[in-house]
Amino acid sequence: MTTILTLTAMFSGIRHTVPRVSYISYLDIWMVICLLYVNFFMFEFALVVYLKSRKKVELSKLLEKRCRIVFPLTFLLFNVLYWPTVCTI
């Protein structure tokens, strides 16, 4: 929860320093993706805890193991696609 609040405060602070535009900027895309990933991790954690409470330990371990690989790899893929696009403009 603290991470979401920190990202929101950071986003709000940065929005006040850049000019207002009527379209979606690359900064907006970056911040939304970061917030989405933090939420995905939080929901994954809640799901794992729920599965463990329902005595589905093997399923929760499998989910946690896959998410430890999938989430960082997809965020890395996003960065590999995002930063070359932003830096060439």
Protein backbone atom coordinates (compact mmCIF):
# COMPACT_ATOMS: atom_id res chain seq x y z
CA MET A 1 0.00 0.00 0.00
CA THR A 2 2.86 2.35 0.78
CA THR A 3 4.30 1.82 -2.69
CA ILE A 4 1.00 2.82 -4.31
CA LEU A 5 0.81 5.97 -2.19
CA THR A 6 4.44 6.81 -2.98
CA LEU A 7 3.91 6.35 -6.72
CA THR A 8 0.75 8.44 -6.61
CA ALA A 9 2.50 11.25 -4.73
CA MET A 10 5.44 11.07 -7.14
CA PHE A 11 3.11 11.19 -10.14
CA SER A 12 1.22 14.14 -8.68
CA GLY A 13 4.45 16.03 -7.94
CA ILE A 14 5.84 15.44 -11.41
CA ARG A 15 2.57 16.46 -13.09
CA HIS A 16 2.88 19.90 -11.47
CA THR A 17 6.34 20.47 -12.95
CA VAL A 18 5.58 19.58 -16.57
CA PRO A 19 3.37 21.58 -18.93
CA ARG A 20 -0.27 20.52 -19.21
CA VAL A 21 -1.21 18.79 -22.43
CA SER A 22 -4.52 17.44 -23.68
CA TYR A 23 -3.12 14.09 -24.81
CA ILE A 24 -1.54 11.11 -23.07
CA SER A 25 2.17 11.62 -22.59
CA TYR A 26 4.95 9.07 -22.20
CA LEU A 27 5.14 10.03 -18.54
CA ASP A 28 1.48 9.08 -18.11
CA ILE A 29 2.11 5.71 -19.73
CA TRP A 30 5.12 5.06 -17.49
CA MET A 31 3.27 5.93 -14.30
CA VAL A 32 0.17 3.91 -15.17
CA ILE A 33 2.25 0.84 -16.00
CA CYS A 34 4.17 1.17 -12.73
CA LEU A 35 0.92 1.46 -10.78
CA LEU A 36 -0.52 -1.54 -12.61
CA TYR A 37 2.51 -3.68 -11.77
CA VAL A 38 2.35 -2.73 -8.10
CA ASN A 39 -1.35 -3.64 -8.07
CA PHE A 40 -0.69 -6.93 -9.87
CA PHE A 41 1.88 -7.85 -7.22
CA MET A 42 -0.54 -6.93 -4.45
CA PHE A 43 -3.36 -9.00 -5.97
CA GLU A 44 -1.00 -11.92 -6.53
CA PHE A 45 0.05 -11.78 -2.88
CA ALA A 46 -3.59 -11.71 -1.73
CA LEU A 47 -4.42 -14.66 -3.99
CA VAL A 48 -1.48 -16.70 -2.68
CA VAL A 49 -2.51 -16.00 0.92
CA TYR A 50 -6.12 -16.92 0.10
CA LEU A 51 -5.07 -20.19 -1.56
CA LYS A 52 -2.89 -21.09 1.42
CA SER A 53 -5.80 -20.42 3.79
CA ARG A 54 -7.97 -22.77 1.69
CA LYS A 55 -5.30 -25.50 2.08
CA LYS A 56 -4.27 -25.32 -1.59
CA VAL A 57 -0.59 -24.97 -0.80
CA GLU A 58 0.71 -26.61 -3.99
CA LEU A 59 -1.35 -24.31 -6.19
CA SER A 60 -0.23 -21.25 -4.22
CA LYS A 61 3.42 -22.30 -4.54
CA LEU A 62 3.02 -22.84 -8.28
CA LEU A 63 1.35 -19.44 -8.71
CA GLU A 64 4.03 -17.71 -6.66
CA LYS A 65 6.84 -19.42 -8.57
CA ARG A 66 5.39 -18.47 -11.95
CA CYS A 67 4.68 -14.89 -10.92
CA ARG A 68 8.27 -14.49 -9.71
CA ILE A 69 9.34 -15.18 -13.28
CA VAL A 70 6.52 -13.67 -15.35
CA PHE A 71 6.16 -10.28 -13.62
CA PRO A 72 9.83 -9.23 -13.80
CA LEU A 73 10.19 -10.52 -17.35
CA THR A 74 7.14 -8.63 -18.59
CA PHE A 75 8.32 -5.45 -16.83
CA LEU A 76 11.73 -5.92 -18.45
CA LEU A 77 10.05 -6.36 -21.82
CA PHE A 78 8.06 -3.19 -21.26
CA ASN A 79 11.27 -1.30 -20.46
CA VAL A 80 13.06 -2.71 -23.50
CA LEU A 81 10.23 -1.44 -25.69
CA TYR A 82 9.50 1.79 -23.82
CA TRP A 83 12.88 3.42 -23.36
CA PRO A 84 14.15 3.16 -26.95
CA THR A 85 10.84 4.65 -28.08
CA VAL A 86 11.04 7.54 -25.62
CA CYS A 87 14.73 8.25 -26.17
CA THR A 88 14.42 8.48 -29.95
CA ILE A 89 11.89 11.31 -29.73
